[in-house]
PDB file of N, CA and C in Angstrom:
ATOM      1  N   MET A   1     -10.725 -37.976  13.706  1.00  0.00           N
ATOM      2  CA  MET A   1     -10.654 -36.570  13.791  1.00  0.00           C
ATOM      3  C   MET A   1      -9.435 -35.860  13.952  1.00  0.00           C
ATOM      4  N   SER A   2      -9.111 -34.782  13.380  1.00  0.00           N
ATOM      5  CA  SER A   2      -7.628 -34.223  13.615  1.00  0.00           C
ATOM      6  C   SER A   2      -7.625 -33.234  14.866  1.00  0.00           C
ATOM      7  N   GLU A   3      -6.507 -33.126  15.277  1.00  0.00           N
ATOM      8  CA  GLU A   3      -6.620 -32.146  16.446  1.00  0.00           C
ATOM      9  C   GLU A   3      -7.340 -30.660  16.204  1.00  0.00           C
ATOM     10  N   GLN A   4      -7.036 -30.128  14.875  1.00  0.00           N
ATOM     11  CA  GLN A   4      -7.532 -28.888  14.395  1.00  0.00           C
ATOM     12  C   GLN A   4      -9.024 -29.120  14.527  1.00  0.00           C
ATOM     13  N   THR A   5      -9.670 -29.879  13.793  1.00  0.00           N
ATOM     14  CA  THR A   5     -11.131 -30.307  13.835  1.00  0.00           C
ATOM     15  C   THR A   5     -11.671 -30.334  15.037  1.00  0.00           C
ATOM     16  N   ARG A   6     -10.816 -31.016  16.049  1.00  0.00           N
ATOM     17  CA  ARG A   6     -11.566 -31.256  17.237  1.00  0.00           C
ATOM     18  C   ARG A   6     -11.452 -29.906  18.132  1.00  0.00           C
ATOM     19  N   LEU A   7     -10.295 -29.370  18.016  1.00  0.00           N
ATOM     20  CA  LEU A   7     -10.369 -27.792  18.437  1.00  0.00           C
ATOM     21  C   LEU A   7     -11.679 -27.165  17.898  1.00  0.00           C
ATOM     22  N   VAL A   8     -11.963 -27.064  16.632  1.00  0.00           N
ATOM     23  CA  VAL A   8     -13.036 -26.120  16.182  1.00  0.00           C
ATOM     24  C   VAL A   8     -14.303 -26.774  16.674  1.00  0.00           C
ATOM     25  N   HIS A   9     -14.450 -28.080  16.827  1.00  0.00           N
ATOM     26  CA  HIS A   9     -15.553 -28.657  17.294  1.00  0.00           C
ATOM     27  C   HIS A   9     -15.767 -28.112  18.760  1.00  0.00           C
ATOM     28  N   ASP A  10     -14.796 -28.130  19.463  1.00  0.00           N
ATOM     29  CA  ASP A  10     -14.876 -27.704  20.927  1.00  0.00           C
ATOM     30  C   ASP A  10     -15.432 -26.345  20.936  1.00  0.00           C
ATOM     31  N   LEU A  11     -14.803 -25.462  20.042  1.00  0.00           N
ATOM     32  CA  LEU A  11     -15.080 -23.875  20.064  1.00  0.00           C
ATOM     33  C   LEU A  11     -16.479 -23.738  19.563  1.00  0.00           C
ATOM     34  N   VAL A  12     -16.966 -24.391  18.594  1.00  0.00           N
ATOM     35  CA  VAL A  12     -18.265 -24.360  18.235  1.00  0.00           C
ATOM     36  C   VAL A  12     -19.572 -24.760  19.270  1.00  0.00           C
ATOM     37  N   GLN A  13     -19.068 -25.770  20.132  1.00  0.00           N
ATOM     38  CA  GLN A  13     -19.951 -26.152  21.228  1.00  0.00           C
ATOM     39  C   GLN A  13     -19.919 -25.189  22.205  1.00  0.00           C
ATOM     40  N   GLN A  14     -18.802 -24.707  22.584  1.00  0.00           N
ATOM     41  CA  GLN A  14     -18.823 -23.378  23.480  1.00  0.00           C
ATOM     42  C   GLN A  14     -19.699 -22.338  23.345  1.00  0.00           C
ATOM     43  N   ALA A  15     -19.726 -21.986  21.989  1.00  0.00           N
ATOM     44  CA  ALA A  15     -20.207 -20.823  21.320  1.00  0.00           C
ATOM     45  C   ALA A  15     -22.013 -21.028  21.188  1.00  0.00           C
ATOM     46  N   GLY A  16     -22.180 -22.373  21.313  1.00  0.00           N
ATOM     47  CA  GLY A  16     -23.523 -22.895  21.134  1.00  0.00           C
ATOM     48  C   GLY A  16     -24.202 -22.682  19.730  1.00  0.00           C
ATOM     49  N   LEU A  17     -23.064 -22.818  18.834  1.00  0.00           N
ATOM     50  CA  LEU A  17     -23.465 -23.003  17.563  1.00  0.00           C
ATOM     51  C   LEU A  17     -23.914 -24.114  16.860  1.00  0.00           C
ATOM     52  N   SER A  18     -24.481 -24.314  15.858  1.00  0.00           N
ATOM     53  CA  SER A  18     -24.950 -25.808  15.183  1.00  0.00           C
ATOM     54  C   SER A  18     -24.120 -25.831  14.021  1.00  0.00           C
ATOM     55  N   VAL A  19     -23.376 -26.689  13.723  1.00  0.00           N
ATOM     56  CA  VAL A  19     -22.419 -27.075  12.864  1.00  0.00           C
ATOM     57  C   VAL A  19     -22.558 -28.603  12.498  1.00  0.00           C
ATOM     58  N   SER A  20     -22.593 -29.117  11.210  1.00  0.00           N
ATOM     59  CA  SER A  20     -22.819 -30.556  11.189  1.00  0.00           C
ATOM     60  C   SER A  20     -21.364 -31.195  10.989  1.00  0.00           C
ATOM     61  N   GLU A  21     -21.245 -32.201  11.281  1.00  0.00           N
ATOM     62  CA  GLU A  21     -19.706 -32.954  11.260  1.00  0.00           C
ATOM     63  C   GLU A  21     -19.273 -32.887   9.773  1.00  0.00           C
ATOM     64  N   ASP A  22     -19.925 -32.881   8.830  1.00  0.00           N
ATOM     65  CA  ASP A  22     -19.558 -32.869   7.536  1.00  0.00           C
ATOM     66  C   ASP A  22     -18.897 -31.475   7.307  1.00  0.00           C
ATOM     67  N   GLU A  23     -18.983 -30.400   7.742  1.00  0.00           N
ATOM     68  CA  GLU A  23     -18.789 -28.915   7.755  1.00  0.00           C
ATOM     69  C   GLU A  23     -17.587 -28.515   8.549  1.00  0.00           C
ATOM     70  N   LEU A  24     -17.067 -29.627   9.474  1.00  0.00           N
ATOM     71  CA  LEU A  24     -16.046 -29.220  10.455  1.00  0.00           C
ATOM     72  C   LEU A  24     -14.624 -29.048   9.784  1.00  0.00           C
ATOM     73  N   PRO A  25     -14.360 -30.301   9.056  1.00  0.00           N
ATOM     74  CA  PRO A  25     -13.045 -29.857   8.114  1.00  0.00           C
ATOM     75  C   PRO A  25     -12.896 -28.590   7.533  1.00  0.00           C
ATOM     76  N   GLN A  26     -13.824 -28.224   6.902  1.00  0.00           N
ATOM     77  CA  GLN A  26     -13.882 -26.770   6.047  1.00  0.00           C
ATOM     78  C   GLN A  26     -13.613 -25.729   7.037  1.00  0.00           C
ATOM     79  N   LEU A  27     -14.487 -25.803   8.102  1.00  0.00           N
ATOM     80  CA  LEU A  27     -14.232 -24.786   9.287  1.00  0.00           C
ATOM     81  C   LEU A  27     -12.816 -24.825   9.814  1.00  0.00           C
ATOM     82  N   ALA A  28     -12.591 -25.901  10.002  1.00  0.00           N
ATOM     83  CA  ALA A  28     -11.179 -26.149  10.886  1.00  0.00           C
ATOM     84  C   ALA A  28     -10.083 -25.561   9.600  1.00  0.00           C
ATOM     85  N   GLY A  29     -10.022 -25.695   8.504  1.00  0.00           N
ATOM     86  CA  GLY A  29      -9.374 -25.250   7.524  1.00  0.00           C
ATOM     87  C   GLY A  29      -9.492 -23.700   7.608  1.00  0.00           C
ATOM     88  N   MET A  30     -10.575 -23.183   7.555  1.00  0.00           N
ATOM     89  CA  MET A  30     -10.778 -21.642   7.810  1.00  0.00           C
ATOM     90  C   MET A  30     -10.069 -21.014   9.159  1.00  0.00           C
ATOM     91  N   TYR A  31     -10.226 -21.802  10.080  1.00  0.00           N
ATOM     92  CA  TYR A  31      -9.657 -21.641  11.039  1.00  0.00           C
ATOM     93  C   TYR A  31      -8.003 -21.545  11.255  1.00  0.00           C
ATOM     94  N   GLU A  32      -7.607 -22.542  10.377  1.00  0.00           N
ATOM     95  CA  GLU A  32      -6.372 -22.483  10.501  1.00  0.00           C
ATOM     96  C   GLU A  32      -5.606 -21.447   9.582  1.00  0.00           C
ATOM     97  N   ASP A  33      -6.421 -21.007   8.664  1.00  0.00           N
ATOM     98  CA  ASP A  33      -6.044 -19.893   7.606  1.00  0.00           C
ATOM     99  C   ASP A  33      -5.943 -18.586   8.462  1.00  0.00           C
ATOM    100  N   VAL A  34      -7.021 -18.396   9.334  1.00  0.00           N
ATOM    101  CA  VAL A  34      -6.974 -17.095  10.045  1.00  0.00           C
ATOM    102  C   VAL A  34      -5.910 -17.138  11.345  1.00  0.00           C
ATOM    103  N   GLN A  35      -5.513 -18.110  11.692  1.00  0.00           N
ATOM    104  CA  GLN A  35      -4.481 -18.201  12.595  1.00  0.00           C
ATOM    105  C   GLN A  35      -3.112 -18.128  11.870  1.00  0.00           C
ATOM    106  N   GLN A  36      -2.972 -18.311  10.763  1.00  0.00           N
ATOM    107  CA  GLN A  36      -1.627 -18.198   9.887  1.00  0.00           C
ATOM    108  C   GLN A  36      -1.742 -16.611   9.589  1.00  0.00           C
ATOM    109  N   LEU A  37      -2.828 -16.191   9.472  1.00  0.00           N
ATOM    110  CA  LEU A  37      -2.746 -14.619   8.926  1.00  0.00           C
ATOM    111  C   LEU A  37      -2.331 -13.796  10.189  1.00  0.00           C
ATOM    112  N   LEU A  38      -3.152 -14.149  11.514  1.00  0.00           N
ATOM    113  CA  LEU A  38      -2.659 -13.691  12.617  1.00  0.00           C
ATOM    114  C   LEU A  38      -1.257 -13.619  13.021  1.00  0.00           C
ATOM    115  N   ASP A  39      -0.576 -14.779  12.834  1.00  0.00           N
ATOM    116  CA  ASP A  39       0.953 -15.269  13.000  1.00  0.00           C
ATOM    117  C   ASP A  39       1.478 -14.036  12.315  1.00  0.00           C
ATOM    118  N   THR A  40       1.206 -13.975  10.713  1.00  0.00           N
ATOM    119  CA  THR A  40       1.811 -13.046  10.089  1.00  0.00           C
ATOM    120  C   THR A  40       1.648 -11.697  10.464  1.00  0.00           C
ATOM    121  N   ILE A  41       0.524 -11.321  10.834  1.00  0.00           N
ATOM    122  CA  ILE A  41       0.497 -10.041  11.270  1.00  0.00           C
ATOM    123  C   ILE A  41       1.279  -9.515  12.581  1.00  0.00           C
ATOM    124  N   GLU A  42       1.446 -10.632  13.623  1.00  0.00           N
ATOM    125  CA  GLU A  42       2.103 -10.465  14.741  1.00  0.00           C
ATOM    126  C   GLU A  42       3.555 -10.329  14.259  1.00  0.00           C
ATOM    127  N   SER A  43       4.207 -10.679  13.131  1.00  0.00           N
ATOM    128  CA  SER A  43       5.493 -10.826  13.014  1.00  0.00           C
ATOM    129  C   SER A  43       6.036  -9.473  11.995  1.00  0.00           C
ATOM    130  N   VAL A  44       5.164  -8.656  11.808  1.00  0.00           N
ATOM    131  CA  VAL A  44       5.519  -7.630  11.192  1.00  0.00           C
ATOM    132  C   VAL A  44       6.164  -6.375  11.925  1.00  0.00           C
ATOM    133  N   GLN A  45       7.556  -6.280  11.658  1.00  0.00           N
ATOM    134  CA  GLN A  45       7.998  -5.132  12.487  1.00  0.00           C
ATOM    135  C   GLN A  45       7.936  -3.816  11.839  1.00  0.00           C
ATOM    136  N   LEU A  46       7.170  -3.041  12.812  1.00  0.00           N
ATOM    137  CA  LEU A  46       7.144  -1.688  12.451  1.00  0.00           C
ATOM    138  C   LEU A  46       8.078  -0.779  13.017  1.00  0.00           C
ATOM    139  N   GLU A  47       8.454   0.557  12.144  1.00  0.00           N
ATOM    140  CA  GLU A  47       9.120   1.557  12.755  1.00  0.00           C
ATOM    141  C   GLU A  47       8.389   2.345  13.774  1.00  0.00           C
ATOM    142  N   ALA A  48       9.239   2.752  14.769  1.00  0.00           N
ATOM    143  CA  ALA A  48       8.425   3.446  16.068  1.00  0.00           C
ATOM    144  C   ALA A  48       7.457   4.667  15.394  1.00  0.00           C
ATOM    145  N   GLY A  49       7.747   5.125  14.144  1.00  0.00           N
ATOM    146  CA  GLY A  49       6.572   6.182  13.802  1.00  0.00           C
ATOM    147  C   GLY A  49       5.638   5.683  13.000  1.00  0.00           C
ATOM    148  N   GLU A  50       5.734   4.348  12.438  1.00  0.00           N
ATOM    149  CA  GLU A  50       4.673   3.793  11.741  1.00  0.00           C
ATOM    150  C   GLU A  50       3.555   3.369  12.602  1.00  0.00           C
ATOM    151  N   GLU A  51       3.874   3.096  13.891  1.00  0.00           N
ATOM    152  CA  GLU A  51       2.886   2.339  14.700  1.00  0.00           C
ATOM    153  C   GLU A  51       1.622   3.276  15.222  1.00  0.00           C
ATOM    154  N   SER A  52       1.528   4.573  15.313  1.00  0.00           N
ATOM    155  CA  SER A  52       0.516   5.311  15.572  1.00  0.00           C
ATOM    156  C   SER A  52      -0.199   5.437  14.185  1.00  0.00           C
ATOM    157  N   ALA A  53       0.192   5.423  13.297  1.00  0.00           N
ATOM    158  CA  ALA A  53      -0.681   5.511  11.798  1.00  0.00           C
ATOM    159  C   ALA A  53      -1.131   4.296  11.282  1.00  0.00           C
ATOM    160  N   LEU A  54      -0.883   3.195  12.038  1.00  0.00           N
ATOM    161  CA  LEU A  54      -1.485   1.898  11.579  1.00  0.00           C
ATOM    162  C   LEU A  54      -2.909   1.609  11.725  1.00  0.00           C
ATOM    163  N   ALA A  55      -3.551   1.354  10.548  1.00  0.00           N
ATOM    164  CA  ALA A  55      -5.090   1.199  10.601  1.00  0.00           C
ATOM    165  C   ALA A  55      -5.400  -0.224   9.998  1.00  0.00           C
ATOM    166  N   LEU A  56      -6.227  -0.842  10.743  1.00  0.00           N
ATOM    167  CA  LEU A  56      -6.621  -2.173  10.206  1.00  0.00           C
ATOM    168  C   LEU A  56      -8.217  -2.190  10.132  1.00  0.00           C
ATOM    169  N   ASP A  57      -8.546  -2.462   8.978  1.00  0.00           N
ATOM    170  CA  ASP A  57      -9.937  -2.604   8.661  1.00  0.00           C
ATOM    171  C   ASP A  57     -10.123  -4.095   8.255  1.00  0.00           C
ATOM    172  N   LEU A  58     -10.964  -4.782   9.148  1.00  0.00           N
ATOM    173  CA  LEU A  58     -10.978  -6.243   8.965  1.00  0.00           C
ATOM    174  C   LEU A  58     -11.775  -6.632   7.792  1.00  0.00           C
ATOM    175  N   PHE A  59     -12.563  -5.647   7.306  1.00  0.00           N
ATOM    176  CA  PHE A  59     -13.512  -6.002   6.138  1.00  0.00           C
ATOM    177  C   PHE A  59     -12.831  -5.417   4.753  1.00  0.00           C
ATOM    178  N   ALA A  60     -11.999  -4.739   4.816  1.00  0.00           N
ATOM    179  CA  ALA A  60     -11.188  -4.328   3.694  1.00  0.00           C
ATOM    180  C   ALA A  60     -11.167  -4.973   2.536  1.00  0.00           C
ATOM    181  N   TRP A  61     -10.668  -6.545   2.796  1.00  0.00           N
ATOM    182  CA  TRP A  61     -10.621  -7.285   1.433  1.00  0.00           C
ATOM    183  C   TRP A  61     -11.824  -7.803   0.796  1.00  0.00           C
ATOM    184  N   GLU A  62     -13.305  -7.355   1.452  1.00  0.00           N
ATOM    185  CA  GLU A  62     -14.474  -7.813   0.924  1.00  0.00           C
ATOM    186  C   GLU A  62     -15.131  -6.582   0.454  1.00  0.00           C
ATOM    187  N   GLY A  63     -14.584  -5.344   0.612  1.00  0.00           N
ATOM    188  CA  GLY A  63     -15.205  -4.071   0.179  1.00  0.00           C
ATOM    189  C   GLY A  63     -16.259  -3.542   0.900  1.00  0.00           C
ATOM    190  N   ALA A  64     -16.517  -4.202   2.194  1.00  0.00           N
ATOM    191  CA  ALA A  64     -17.674  -3.976   2.848  1.00  0.00           C
ATOM    192  C   ALA A  64     -17.637  -2.449   3.566  1.00  0.00           C
ATOM    193  N   THR A  65     -18.502  -1.832   3.507  1.00  0.00           N
ATOM    194  CA  THR A  65     -18.648  -0.344   3.859  1.00  0.00           C
ATOM    195  C   THR A  65     -19.247  -0.572   5.460  1.00  0.00           C
ATOM    196  N   GLU A  66     -19.844  -1.560   6.013  1.00  0.00           N
ATOM    197  CA  GLU A  66     -20.212  -1.419   7.216  1.00  0.00           C
ATOM    198  C   GLU A  66     -19.322  -2.400   8.222  1.00  0.00           C
ATOM    199  N   GLY A  67     -19.305  -2.165   9.385  1.00  0.00           N
ATOM    200  CA  GLY A  67     -18.573  -3.100  10.407  1.00  0.00           C
ATOM    201  C   GLY A  67     -17.555  -2.137  11.124  1.00  0.00           C
ATOM    202  N   PRO A  68     -16.806  -2.802  12.009  1.00  0.00           N
ATOM    203  CA  PRO A  68     -15.713  -2.121  12.814  1.00  0.00           C
ATOM    204  C   PRO A  68     -14.581  -1.890  11.836  1.00  0.00           C
ATOM    205  N   VAL A  69     -14.326  -0.232  12.053  1.00  0.00           N
ATOM    206  CA  VAL A  69     -13.083   0.247  11.442  1.00  0.00           C
ATOM    207  C   VAL A  69     -12.294   0.896  12.360  1.00  0.00           C
ATOM    208  N   VAL A  70     -11.042   0.558  12.584  1.00  0.00           N
ATOM    209  CA  VAL A  70     -10.256   1.195  13.361  1.00  0.00           C
ATOM    210  C   VAL A  70      -9.501   2.571  12.764  1.00  0.00           C
ATOM    211  N   ALA A  71      -9.918   3.764  13.147  1.00  0.00           N
ATOM    212  CA  ALA A  71      -9.321   4.902  12.750  1.00  0.00           C
ATOM    213  C   ALA A  71      -7.903   5.040  13.150  1.00  0.00           C
ATOM    214  N   ARG A  72      -7.242   5.840  12.503  1.00  0.00           N
ATOM    215  CA  ARG A  72      -5.786   6.268  12.466  1.00  0.00           C
ATOM    216  C   ARG A  72      -5.849   7.339  13.701  1.00  0.00           C
ATOM    217  N   GLU A  73      -4.827   7.553  14.608  1.00  0.00           N
ATOM    218  CA  GLU A  73      -4.591   8.669  15.152  1.00  0.00           C
ATOM    219  C   GLU A  73      -4.777   9.862  14.598  1.00  0.00           C
ATOM    220  N   GLY A  74      -5.759  10.919  14.965  1.00  0.00           N
ATOM    221  CA  GLY A  74      -5.730  12.101  14.518  1.00  0.00           C
ATOM    222  C   GLY A  74      -6.821  12.316  13.240  1.00  0.00           C
ATOM    223  N   ASP A  75      -7.579  11.166  12.878  1.00  0.00           N
ATOM    224  CA  ASP A  75      -8.657  10.941  12.050  1.00  0.00           C
ATOM    225  C   ASP A  75      -9.798  11.833  12.685  1.00  0.00           C
ATOM    226  N   ALA A  76     -10.625  12.642  11.978  1.00  0.00           N
ATOM    227  CA  ALA A  76     -11.788  13.218  12.453  1.00  0.00           C
ATOM    228  C   ALA A  76     -12.683  12.184  12.607  1.00  0.00           C
ATOM    229  N   PRO A  77     -13.677  12.389  13.812  1.00  0.00           N
ATOM    230  CA  PRO A  77     -14.786  11.587  13.963  1.00  0.00           C
ATOM    231  C   PRO A  77     -15.777  11.570  12.745  1.00  0.00           C
TER     232      PRO A  77
END
């Protein structure tokens, strides 16, 4: 079992979720992809004026209309 797979296995157990051993490698791959995306986001350098206008919709890539959306500063409620 790889280190990444073992980490995901431990996280799944801590969360009280049920995942088969066969699914762990795929889940570990998805976890690694998310970690890489987060590293990329953290590495983006913004100009001071851009920071307050930054909006991150975690569901935008799926076209979902429900779920958490972070509004930009000054957006109407």
